[in-house]
Amino acid sequence: MAGVVPDEAPEGGWLDREQLAVWMRFAAVLELLPAALDAQLRRDAGLTHFDYYVLAMLAEAQERTLRMTDLARRTNATPPRLSHVMKRLEARGLVRRIPCPEDRRATDAQLTDVGWARLVAAAPGHVSFVRHHVIDALTPEQLTQLAAIADAVLQRVDPEGAFAELGRHETA
């Protein structure tokens, strides 16, 4: 990869060799980890990682119910993608869409008892996977650093702060 970084790169125009090496390793994690999460959940629970994420967001909501627009925001899903996933999850009895009682123009998504049971059954394997592949691979100091790194990057890629509080209640 040495040829990728010119010796006389314009200032700010290229990554230096160390920056490129760090970026390539981070990009590999970004590529490999989602596929591995998907494979584990598909194998063990018949869910995609995004399915699991949707169910988890509903499980954390009051009365296990969120407006579809709020669920889309929390999962960073486009309305068409979320609608497609909801249709699949509804067909399996894991969620239901119901009219929003406060706004008849809106639709709520609700986790069913079957969906809750599926999430509870999937959680131990998912947590074990995350623990083995991420948490246990790091020292306590590295975990603290990873939190700080994630916060710093989130501030840049999520300037509106839609995901700023994600996971905060677990550590508070």
Protein backbone atom coordinates (compact mmCIF):
# COMPACT_ATOMS: atom_id res chain seq x y z
CA MET A 1 0.00 0.00 0.00
CA ALA A 2 3.01 2.30 0.11
CA GLY A 3 2.21 3.52 -3.41
CA VAL A 4 -1.14 4.88 -2.22
CA VAL A 5 0.45 7.74 -0.28
CA PRO A 6 2.69 9.93 -2.44
CA ASP A 7 5.93 11.07 -0.84
CA GLU A 8 5.13 14.69 -1.74
CA ALA A 9 1.39 14.79 -0.93
CA PRO A 10 -0.26 18.20 -0.82
CA GLU A 11 -0.92 19.35 2.75
CA GLY A 12 -4.29 18.04 3.90
CA GLY A 13 -4.79 16.26 0.58
CA TRP A 14 -3.70 12.77 1.58
CA LEU A 15 -3.42 10.74 4.73
CA ASP A 16 0.12 10.15 5.87
CA ARG A 17 1.30 6.55 6.19
CA GLU A 18 0.34 6.21 9.86
CA GLN A 19 -3.08 7.82 9.31
CA LEU A 20 -3.71 5.58 6.32
CA ALA A 21 -2.76 2.46 8.29
CA VAL A 22 -5.13 3.43 11.12
CA TRP A 23 -7.93 4.28 8.69
CA MET A 24 -7.55 0.99 6.79
CA ARG A 25 -7.76 -1.05 10.01
CA PHE A 26 -10.78 0.95 11.18
CA ALA A 27 -12.44 0.58 7.76
CA ALA A 28 -11.88 -3.18 7.99
CA VAL A 29 -13.71 -3.22 11.35
CA LEU A 30 -16.54 -1.15 9.82
CA GLU A 31 -16.81 -3.69 7.01
CA LEU A 32 -16.37 -6.96 8.91
CA LEU A 33 -18.20 -6.34 12.19
CA PRO A 34 -21.69 -5.66 10.75
CA ALA A 35 -21.49 -8.79 8.57
CA ALA A 36 -20.37 -10.88 11.55
CA LEU A 37 -23.18 -9.48 13.73
CA ASP A 38 -25.69 -10.28 10.99
CA ALA A 39 -24.36 -13.82 10.56
CA GLN A 40 -24.54 -14.57 14.30
CA LEU A 41 -28.09 -13.25 14.68
CA ARG A 42 -29.34 -14.95 11.50
CA ARG A 43 -27.85 -18.26 12.59
CA ASP A 44 -28.95 -18.13 16.23
CA ALA A 45 -32.19 -16.14 16.14
CA GLY A 46 -33.41 -15.85 12.54
CA LEU A 47 -32.99 -12.07 12.71
CA THR A 48 -30.78 -9.58 10.95
CA HIS A 49 -28.80 -7.18 13.07
CA PHE A 50 -31.13 -4.40 11.92
CA ASP A 51 -34.19 -6.51 12.89
CA TYR A 52 -32.66 -6.96 16.34
CA TYR A 53 -31.93 -3.24 16.59
CA VAL A 54 -35.54 -2.34 15.68
CA LEU A 55 -36.88 -4.78 18.28
CA ALA A 56 -34.43 -3.45 20.89
CA MET A 57 -35.44 0.17 20.27
CA LEU A 58 -39.10 -0.77 20.68
CA ALA A 59 -38.31 -2.78 23.83
CA GLU A 60 -36.71 0.28 25.43
CA ALA A 61 -39.64 2.56 24.61
CA GLN A 62 -42.52 3.28 26.96
CA GLU A 63 -45.20 0.61 26.46
CA ARG A 64 -42.84 -0.90 23.86
CA THR A 65 -44.29 1.57 21.34
CA LEU A 66 -42.79 4.32 19.18
CA ARG A 67 -44.07 6.45 16.33
CA MET A 68 -42.70 5.15 13.08
CA THR A 69 -40.93 8.49 12.52
CA ASP A 70 -39.23 8.22 15.93
CA LEU A 71 -38.26 4.61 15.28
CA ALA A 72 -36.79 5.60 11.91
CA ARG A 73 -34.77 8.36 13.59
CA ARG A 74 -33.52 6.06 16.38
CA THR A 75 -32.46 3.37 13.91
CA ASN A 76 -31.18 5.79 11.25
CA ALA A 77 -33.49 4.11 8.73
CA THR A 78 -35.14 5.67 5.75
CA PRO A 79 -38.95 5.40 5.84
CA PRO A 80 -38.99 2.89 2.93
CA ARG A 81 -36.36 0.66 4.58
CA LEU A 82 -38.14 0.74 7.94
CA SER A 83 -41.50 0.06 6.30
CA HIS A 84 -40.05 -2.97 4.50
CA VAL A 85 -38.50 -4.34 7.70
CA MET A 86 -41.70 -3.69 9.67
CA LYS A 87 -43.70 -5.59 7.06
CA ARG A 88 -41.36 -8.58 7.45
CA LEU A 89 -41.43 -8.41 11.25
CA GLU A 90 -45.23 -8.00 11.27
CA ALA A 91 -45.63 -11.11 9.11
CA ARG A 92 -43.72 -13.02 11.79
CA GLY A 93 -45.86 -11.58 14.58
CA LEU A 94 -42.93 -9.72 16.19
CA VAL A 95 -44.33 -6.20 15.81
CA ARG A 96 -47.56 -4.50 14.85
CA ARG A 97 -48.38 -1.12 13.39
CA ILE A 98 -51.26 0.71 15.02
CA PRO A 99 -52.80 4.15 14.60
CA CYS A 100 -51.24 6.76 16.87
CA PRO A 101 -53.86 7.74 19.46
CA GLU A 102 -52.53 11.34 19.70
CA ASP A 103 -52.30 11.94 15.94
CA ARG A 104 -54.53 9.97 13.59
CA ARG A 105 -52.18 10.83 10.70
CA ALA A 106 -49.28 9.02 12.38
CA THR A 107 -48.59 5.33 12.83
CA ASP A 108 -47.05 3.70 15.89
CA ALA A 109 -44.87 0.61 15.90
CA GLN A 110 -45.37 -1.74 18.83
CA LEU A 111 -43.36 -4.75 19.97
CA THR A 112 -45.63 -7.75 20.49
CA ASP A 113 -45.25 -10.32 23.24
CA VAL A 114 -43.91 -12.71 20.59
CA GLY A 115 -41.39 -10.05 19.53
CA TRP A 116 -40.36 -9.47 23.14
CA ALA A 117 -39.85 -13.21 23.62
CA ARG A 118 -37.75 -13.41 20.42
CA LEU A 119 -35.60 -10.47 21.57
CA VAL A 120 -35.12 -11.98 25.04
CA ALA A 121 -34.17 -15.33 23.47
CA ALA A 122 -31.73 -13.68 21.02
CA ALA A 123 -30.07 -11.39 23.57
CA PRO A 124 -27.75 -13.87 25.34
CA GLY A 125 -26.13 -15.06 22.11
CA HIS A 126 -25.85 -11.53 20.78
CA VAL A 127 -24.33 -10.23 24.03
CA SER A 128 -21.92 -13.16 24.10
CA PHE A 129 -20.85 -12.39 20.53
CA VAL A 130 -20.36 -8.66 21.29
CA ARG A 131 -18.50 -9.47 24.49
CA HIS A 132 -16.16 -11.97 22.79
CA HIS A 133 -15.44 -9.96 19.64
CA VAL A 134 -15.35 -6.43 21.04
CA ILE A 135 -15.57 -5.95 24.82
CA ASP A 136 -13.23 -8.75 25.92
CA ALA A 137 -10.74 -7.87 23.17
CA LEU A 138 -10.10 -4.54 24.93
CA THR A 139 -8.63 -3.55 28.26
CA PRO A 140 -10.73 -1.36 30.57
CA GLU A 141 -8.59 1.60 29.50
CA GLN A 142 -9.19 0.80 25.82
CA LEU A 143 -12.94 0.62 26.45
CA THR A 144 -12.79 4.10 27.95
CA GLN A 145 -10.76 5.27 24.95
CA LEU A 146 -13.21 3.63 22.55
CA ALA A 147 -16.09 5.49 24.19
CA ALA A 148 -14.23 8.77 23.78
CA ILE A 149 -13.34 7.92 20.17
CA ALA A 150 -16.93 6.98 19.36
CA ASP A 151 -18.16 10.24 20.91
CA ALA A 152 -15.65 12.31 18.93
CA VAL A 153 -16.55 10.64 15.62
CA LEU A 154 -20.29 10.82 16.39
CA GLN A 155 -19.99 14.58 16.91
CA ARG A 156 -18.74 14.84 13.31
CA VAL A 157 -21.03 12.34 11.57
CA ASP A 158 -24.09 13.15 13.70
CA PRO A 159 -23.88 16.93 14.20
CA GLU A 160 -27.58 17.13 15.15
CA GLY A 161 -26.90 14.74 18.03
CA ALA A 162 -29.60 12.21 17.11
CA PHE A 163 -27.42 9.42 18.52
CA ALA A 164 -25.66 11.46 21.23
CA GLU A 165 -27.56 9.84 24.09
CA LEU A 166 -27.40 6.32 22.68
CA GLY A 167 -26.25 4.00 25.43
CA ARG A 168 -25.90 6.80 27.98
CA HIS A 169 -28.57 5.42 30.33
CA GLU A 170 -26.67 2.15 30.62
CA THR A 171 -23.55 3.87 32.01
CA ALA A 172 -25.17 6.64 34.04
